[in-house]
């Protein structure tokens, strides 16, 4: 609803039943936002562990992500600093090769209204292919190409692989990510949060 305060919108998001019948564990939207947030983490969808705790990135992926960003838990979980809006807010269940993709109903229903209420964002971190498709729809090719082209996306956006332990092979195959991109990323995160 236009003009709706962020707190009211978040209440509606957290009560969402839009695709409840599709979830094996039922709906439990997991996100974090405040109008003062300066850093946006655009992820995929919560995993089983995050669904259980209700805390975004409350798993091994979160530990790796915080290390990549050079920030601790207190900063990461301060909604006045960091907004965490995955492409799907609920755990979608498990498929053959890991978690299923985010439900397609979630982002069209909620994403833009939430982003419209985050006027102070200075840096957006795009994690994974689904977030890439939303935030950089003109980007073609594999996610690795989008991550490698980090200098071309401007100072306000960085594309990252998902920090899941499932991506250990990708990290080994792309050592430039840790040696070139991560040091610059930590500087950008510090600047965004300053």
C-alpha atoms as a PDB file:
ATOM      1  CA  UNK A   1       0.000   0.000   0.000  1.00  0.00           C
ATOM      2  CA  UNK A   2       1.522   3.359  -0.965  1.00  0.00           C
ATOM      3  CA  UNK A   3       2.499   5.446   2.031  1.00  0.00           C
ATOM      4  CA  UNK A   4       2.405   2.460   4.379  1.00  0.00           C
ATOM      5  CA  UNK A   5       5.115   2.712   7.054  1.00  0.00           C
ATOM      6  CA  UNK A   6       7.862   0.109   6.927  1.00  0.00           C
ATOM      7  CA  UNK A   7       6.856  -1.379  10.303  1.00  0.00           C
ATOM      8  CA  UNK A   8       3.313  -2.013   9.054  1.00  0.00           C
ATOM      9  CA  UNK A   9       4.621  -3.533   5.837  1.00  0.00           C
ATOM     10  CA  UNK A  10       6.994  -5.814   7.763  1.00  0.00           C
ATOM     11  CA  UNK A  11       4.075  -6.969   9.919  1.00  0.00           C
ATOM     12  CA  UNK A  12       2.152  -7.919   6.774  1.00  0.00           C
ATOM     13  CA  UNK A  13       5.201  -9.673   5.262  1.00  0.00           C
ATOM     14  CA  UNK A  14       5.782 -11.703   8.426  1.00  0.00           C
ATOM     15  CA  UNK A  15       2.128 -12.811   8.373  1.00  0.00           C
ATOM     16  CA  UNK A  16       2.240 -13.735   4.676  1.00  0.00           C
ATOM     17  CA  UNK A  17       0.408 -16.911   3.648  1.00  0.00           C
ATOM     18  CA  UNK A  18       0.747 -16.345  -0.119  1.00  0.00           C
ATOM     19  CA  UNK A  19       2.327 -19.725  -0.871  1.00  0.00           C
ATOM     20  CA  UNK A  20       1.768 -21.488   2.467  1.00  0.00           C
ATOM     21  CA  UNK A  21       0.494 -24.649   0.787  1.00  0.00           C
ATOM     22  CA  UNK A  22       3.805 -25.004  -1.089  1.00  0.00           C
ATOM     23  CA  UNK A  23       6.063 -25.162   1.977  1.00  0.00           C
ATOM     24  CA  UNK A  24       6.913 -28.509   3.587  1.00  0.00           C
ATOM     25  CA  UNK A  25       7.539 -26.827   6.957  1.00  0.00           C
ATOM     26  CA  UNK A  26       4.911 -24.097   6.648  1.00  0.00           C
ATOM     27  CA  UNK A  27       5.562 -20.398   6.075  1.00  0.00           C
ATOM     28  CA  UNK A  28       7.983 -18.500   8.307  1.00  0.00           C
ATOM     29  CA  UNK A  29       9.194 -15.342   6.589  1.00  0.00           C
ATOM     30  CA  UNK A  30      12.744 -14.517   7.678  1.00  0.00           C
ATOM     31  CA  UNK A  31      14.051 -11.038   6.891  1.00  0.00           C
ATOM     32  CA  UNK A  32      15.512  -7.956   8.526  1.00  0.00           C
ATOM     33  CA  UNK A  33      14.962  -4.301   7.612  1.00  0.00           C
ATOM     34  CA  UNK A  34      14.890  -0.782   9.017  1.00  0.00           C
ATOM     35  CA  UNK A  35      14.460   2.515   7.177  1.00  0.00           C
ATOM     36  CA  UNK A  36      17.954   3.616   8.281  1.00  0.00           C
ATOM     37  CA  UNK A  37      19.760   0.541   6.875  1.00  0.00           C
ATOM     38  CA  UNK A  38      22.731   1.358   4.643  1.00  0.00           C
ATOM     39  CA  UNK A  39      23.731  -2.134   3.498  1.00  0.00           C
ATOM     40  CA  UNK A  40      21.361  -4.529   1.724  1.00  0.00           C
ATOM     41  CA  UNK A  41      22.029  -8.247   1.505  1.00  0.00           C
ATOM     42  CA  UNK A  42      19.913  -9.745  -1.267  1.00  0.00           C
ATOM     43  CA  UNK A  43      20.119 -13.498  -0.798  1.00  0.00           C
ATOM     44  CA  UNK A  44      18.218 -16.497  -2.111  1.00  0.00           C
ATOM     45  CA  UNK A  45      15.917 -18.029   0.552  1.00  0.00           C
ATOM     46  CA  UNK A  46      16.339 -19.276   4.112  1.00  0.00           C
ATOM     47  CA  UNK A  47      17.595 -22.807   4.654  1.00  0.00           C
ATOM     48  CA  UNK A  48      16.209 -25.364   7.083  1.00  0.00           C
ATOM     49  CA  UNK A  49      18.369 -24.163   9.996  1.00  0.00           C
ATOM     50  CA  UNK A  50      17.360 -20.521   9.467  1.00  0.00           C
ATOM     51  CA  UNK A  51      13.702 -21.576   9.200  1.00  0.00           C
ATOM     52  CA  UNK A  52      14.042 -23.231  12.618  1.00  0.00           C
ATOM     53  CA  UNK A  53      15.723 -20.257  14.312  1.00  0.00           C
ATOM     54  CA  UNK A  54      13.973 -17.426  12.463  1.00  0.00           C
ATOM     55  CA  UNK A  55      17.326 -15.581  12.291  1.00  0.00           C
ATOM     56  CA  UNK A  56      18.742 -14.726   8.840  1.00  0.00           C
ATOM     57  CA  UNK A  57      22.058 -16.424   7.981  1.00  0.00           C
ATOM     58  CA  UNK A  58      22.092 -18.250  11.325  1.00  0.00           C
ATOM     59  CA  UNK A  59      24.228 -21.017   9.839  1.00  0.00           C
ATOM     60  CA  UNK A  60      27.623 -21.772   8.271  1.00  0.00           C
ATOM     61  CA  UNK A  61      26.751 -19.548   5.291  1.00  0.00           C
ATOM     62  CA  UNK A  62      26.256 -16.627   7.660  1.00  0.00           C
ATOM     63  CA  UNK A  63      29.594 -17.217   9.370  1.00  0.00           C
ATOM     64  CA  UNK A  64      31.359 -17.175   6.003  1.00  0.00           C
ATOM     65  CA  UNK A  65      29.405 -14.128   4.815  1.00  0.00           C
ATOM     66  CA  UNK A  66      30.272 -12.115   7.932  1.00  0.00           C
ATOM     67  CA  UNK A  67      33.942 -13.049   7.445  1.00  0.00           C
ATOM     68  CA  UNK A  68      33.774 -11.959   3.804  1.00  0.00           C
ATOM     69  CA  UNK A  69      32.267  -8.607   4.838  1.00  0.00           C
ATOM     70  CA  UNK A  70      34.619  -8.064   7.778  1.00  0.00           C
ATOM     71  CA  UNK A  71      31.785  -7.385  10.235  1.00  0.00           C
ATOM     72  CA  UNK A  72      30.693  -9.093  13.440  1.00  0.00           C
ATOM     73  CA  UNK A  73      27.326 -10.435  14.500  1.00  0.00           C
ATOM     74  CA  UNK A  74      26.344  -7.242  16.349  1.00  0.00           C
ATOM     75  CA  UNK A  75      26.669  -5.136  13.209  1.00  0.00           C
ATOM     76  CA  UNK A  76      25.261  -7.817  10.913  1.00  0.00           C
ATOM     77  CA  UNK A  77      22.113  -8.251  13.002  1.00  0.00           C
ATOM     78  CA  UNK A  78      21.529  -4.531  13.562  1.00  0.00           C
ATOM     79  CA  UNK A  79      18.632  -3.728  11.192  1.00  0.00           C
ATOM     80  CA  UNK A  80      19.499  -0.018  11.396  1.00  0.00           C
ATOM     81  CA  UNK A  81      22.718  -0.902   9.568  1.00  0.00           C
ATOM     82  CA  UNK A  82      22.033  -4.079   7.563  1.00  0.00           C
ATOM     83  CA  UNK A  83      18.848  -5.044   5.736  1.00  0.00           C
ATOM     84  CA  UNK A  84      18.554  -8.728   4.790  1.00  0.00           C
ATOM     85  CA  UNK A  85      15.929  -9.339   2.109  1.00  0.00           C
ATOM     86  CA  UNK A  86      16.201 -12.705   0.383  1.00  0.00           C
ATOM     87  CA  UNK A  87      14.389 -13.320  -2.879  1.00  0.00           C
ATOM     88  CA  UNK A  88      12.101 -15.707  -1.023  1.00  0.00           C
ATOM     89  CA  UNK A  89      11.383 -15.126   2.663  1.00  0.00           C
ATOM     90  CA  UNK A  90      10.434 -18.717   3.562  1.00  0.00           C
ATOM     91  CA  UNK A  91      12.333 -22.004   3.450  1.00  0.00           C
ATOM     92  CA  UNK A  92      11.280 -23.593   0.135  1.00  0.00           C
ATOM     93  CA  UNK A  93      12.183 -27.188   0.988  1.00  0.00           C
ATOM     94  CA  UNK A  94      14.860 -29.538  -0.286  1.00  0.00           C
ATOM     95  CA  UNK A  95      15.354 -30.731  -3.842  1.00  0.00           C
ATOM     96  CA  UNK A  96      17.724 -33.246  -5.451  1.00  0.00           C
ATOM     97  CA  UNK A  97      20.837 -31.099  -5.156  1.00  0.00           C
ATOM     98  CA  UNK A  98      20.129 -28.901  -2.141  1.00  0.00           C
ATOM     99  CA  UNK A  99      17.430 -26.434  -1.218  1.00  0.00           C
ATOM    100  CA  UNK A 100      14.780 -25.609  -3.789  1.00  0.00           C
ATOM    101  CA  UNK A 101      14.844 -22.146  -5.386  1.00  0.00           C
ATOM    102  CA  UNK A 102      12.893 -19.286  -3.809  1.00  0.00           C
ATOM    103  CA  UNK A 103       9.155 -19.394  -4.475  1.00  0.00           C
ATOM    104  CA  UNK A 104       8.358 -17.205  -7.506  1.00  0.00           C
ATOM    105  CA  UNK A 105       5.432 -15.450  -5.784  1.00  0.00           C
ATOM    106  CA  UNK A 106       7.472 -13.789  -3.033  1.00  0.00           C
ATOM    107  CA  UNK A 107       9.662 -11.216  -4.799  1.00  0.00           C
ATOM    108  CA  UNK A 108       6.912  -9.773  -7.038  1.00  0.00           C
ATOM    109  CA  UNK A 109       4.602  -9.403  -4.042  1.00  0.00           C
ATOM    110  CA  UNK A 110       6.979  -7.858  -1.519  1.00  0.00           C
ATOM    111  CA  UNK A 111      10.403  -6.890  -2.856  1.00  0.00           C
ATOM    112  CA  UNK A 112       9.803  -3.478  -4.438  1.00  0.00           C
ATOM    113  CA  UNK A 113       7.553  -2.155  -1.641  1.00  0.00           C
ATOM    114  CA  UNK A 114      10.268  -3.071   0.874  1.00  0.00           C
ATOM    115  CA  UNK A 115      13.079  -1.575  -1.211  1.00  0.00           C
ATOM    116  CA  UNK A 116      11.048   1.620  -1.629  1.00  0.00           C
ATOM    117  CA  UNK A 117      11.138   2.031   2.156  1.00  0.00           C
ATOM    118  CA  UNK A 118      14.944   1.739   2.432  1.00  0.00           C
ATOM    119  CA  UNK A 119      16.053   5.188   1.233  1.00  0.00           C
ATOM    120  CA  UNK A 120      19.519   5.178   2.833  1.00  0.00           C
ATOM    121  CA  UNK A 121      21.013   2.113   1.150  1.00  0.00           C
ATOM    122  CA  UNK A 122      24.588   2.723   0.016  1.00  0.00           C
ATOM    123  CA  UNK A 123      25.603  -0.787  -1.004  1.00  0.00           C
ATOM    124  CA  UNK A 124      23.669  -3.822  -2.234  1.00  0.00           C
ATOM    125  CA  UNK A 125      25.220  -7.282  -2.087  1.00  0.00           C
ATOM    126  CA  UNK A 126      23.644  -9.686  -4.566  1.00  0.00           C
ATOM    127  CA  UNK A 127      24.116 -13.328  -3.532  1.00  0.00           C
ATOM    128  CA  UNK A 128      23.448 -15.982  -6.122  1.00  0.00           C
ATOM    129  CA  UNK A 129      21.669 -16.359  -9.444  1.00  0.00           C
ATOM    130  CA  UNK A 130      18.093 -15.575  -8.326  1.00  0.00           C
ATOM    131  CA  UNK A 131      19.075 -12.284  -6.689  1.00  0.00           C
ATOM    132  CA  UNK A 132      21.230 -11.469  -9.719  1.00  0.00           C
ATOM    133  CA  UNK A 133      18.244 -11.924 -12.054  1.00  0.00           C
ATOM    134  CA  UNK A 134      16.229  -9.399 -10.010  1.00  0.00           C
ATOM    135  CA  UNK A 135      18.894  -6.767  -9.349  1.00  0.00           C
ATOM    136  CA  UNK A 136      20.768  -6.985 -12.686  1.00  0.00           C
ATOM    137  CA  UNK A 137      18.234  -8.346 -15.175  1.00  0.00           C
ATOM    138  CA  UNK A 138      20.418  -7.226 -18.100  1.00  0.00           C
ATOM    139  CA  UNK A 139      23.306  -9.444 -16.911  1.00  0.00           C
ATOM    140  CA  UNK A 140      23.711 -12.488 -19.135  1.00  0.00           C
ATOM    141  CA  UNK A 141      25.888 -15.521 -18.626  1.00  0.00           C
ATOM    142  CA  UNK A 142      26.954 -17.451 -15.572  1.00  0.00           C
ATOM    143  CA  UNK A 143      27.093 -16.001 -12.074  1.00  0.00           C
ATOM    144  CA  UNK A 144      30.890 -16.343 -12.122  1.00  0.00           C
ATOM    145  CA  UNK A 145      31.052 -13.774 -14.933  1.00  0.00           C
ATOM    146  CA  UNK A 146      28.927 -11.311 -12.952  1.00  0.00           C
ATOM    147  CA  UNK A 147      31.115 -11.779  -9.860  1.00  0.00           C
ATOM    148  CA  UNK A 148      34.307 -11.403 -11.926  1.00  0.00           C
ATOM    149  CA  UNK A 149      32.994  -8.148 -13.438  1.00  0.00           C
ATOM    150  CA  UNK A 150      32.671  -6.524 -10.014  1.00  0.00           C
ATOM    151  CA  UNK A 151      34.479  -3.379 -11.134  1.00  0.00           C
ATOM    152  CA  UNK A 152      31.806  -2.795 -13.811  1.00  0.00           C
ATOM    153  CA  UNK A 153      28.781  -2.732 -11.479  1.00  0.00           C
ATOM    154  CA  UNK A 154      29.516   0.651  -9.905  1.00  0.00           C
ATOM    155  CA  UNK A 155      30.268   1.433  -6.271  1.00  0.00           C
ATOM    156  CA  UNK A 156      26.774   0.646  -4.948  1.00  0.00           C
ATOM    157  CA  UNK A 157      26.490  -3.023  -5.996  1.00  0.00           C
ATOM    158  CA  UNK A 158      28.561  -6.182  -5.669  1.00  0.00           C
ATOM    159  CA  UNK A 159      27.638  -9.640  -6.958  1.00  0.00           C
ATOM    160  CA  UNK A 160      28.856 -12.525  -4.808  1.00  0.00           C
ATOM    161  CA  UNK A 161      28.550 -16.281  -4.942  1.00  0.00           C
ATOM    162  CA  UNK A 162      26.369 -17.726  -2.239  1.00  0.00           C
ATOM    163  CA  UNK A 163      28.529 -18.192   0.880  1.00  0.00           C
ATOM    164  CA  UNK A 164      27.280 -21.759   1.340  1.00  0.00           C
ATOM    165  CA  UNK A 165      29.828 -24.486   2.101  1.00  0.00           C
ATOM    166  CA  UNK A 166      28.477 -26.103  -1.086  1.00  0.00           C
ATOM    167  CA  UNK A 167      30.496 -23.460  -2.947  1.00  0.00           C
ATOM    168  CA  UNK A 168      33.888 -24.500  -1.569  1.00  0.00           C
ATOM    169  CA  UNK A 169      34.791 -25.900  -4.994  1.00  0.00           C
ATOM    170  CA  UNK A 170      33.902 -22.618  -6.682  1.00  0.00           C
ATOM    171  CA  UNK A 171      36.104 -20.725  -4.230  1.00  0.00           C
ATOM    172  CA  UNK A 172      39.037 -23.065  -4.928  1.00  0.00           C
ATOM    173  CA  UNK A 173      38.583 -22.623  -8.685  1.00  0.00           C
ATOM    174  CA  UNK A 174      38.374 -18.824  -8.414  1.00  0.00           C
ATOM    175  CA  UNK A 175      41.171 -17.695  -6.055  1.00  0.00           C
ATOM    176  CA  UNK A 176      40.909 -14.121  -7.392  1.00  0.00           C
ATOM    177  CA  UNK A 177      37.655 -13.803  -5.423  1.00  0.00           C
ATOM    178  CA  UNK A 178      39.495 -13.905  -2.092  1.00  0.00           C
ATOM    179  CA  UNK A 179      42.650 -12.101  -3.192  1.00  0.00           C
ATOM    180  CA  UNK A 180      41.128  -9.279  -5.286  1.00  0.00           C
ATOM    181  CA  UNK A 181      37.429  -8.850  -4.592  1.00  0.00           C
ATOM    182  CA  UNK A 182      37.162  -9.521  -0.847  1.00  0.00           C
ATOM    183  CA  UNK A 183      39.683  -6.855   0.285  1.00  0.00           C
ATOM    184  CA  UNK A 184      37.863  -4.246  -1.819  1.00  0.00           C
ATOM    185  CA  UNK A 185      34.487  -5.520  -0.598  1.00  0.00           C
ATOM    186  CA  UNK A 186      35.487  -5.047   3.049  1.00  0.00           C
ATOM    187  CA  UNK A 187      36.488  -1.453   2.302  1.00  0.00           C
ATOM    188  CA  UNK A 188      33.151  -0.793   0.536  1.00  0.00           C
ATOM    189  CA  UNK A 189      31.186  -2.340   3.415  1.00  0.00           C
ATOM    190  CA  UNK A 190      33.049  -0.213   5.959  1.00  0.00           C
ATOM    191  CA  UNK A 191      32.376   2.906   3.875  1.00  0.00           C
ATOM    192  CA  UNK A 192      28.686   2.057   3.511  1.00  0.00           C
ATOM    193  CA  UNK A 193      28.257   1.539   7.236  1.00  0.00           C
ATOM    194  CA  UNK A 194      30.349   4.558   8.300  1.00  0.00           C
END
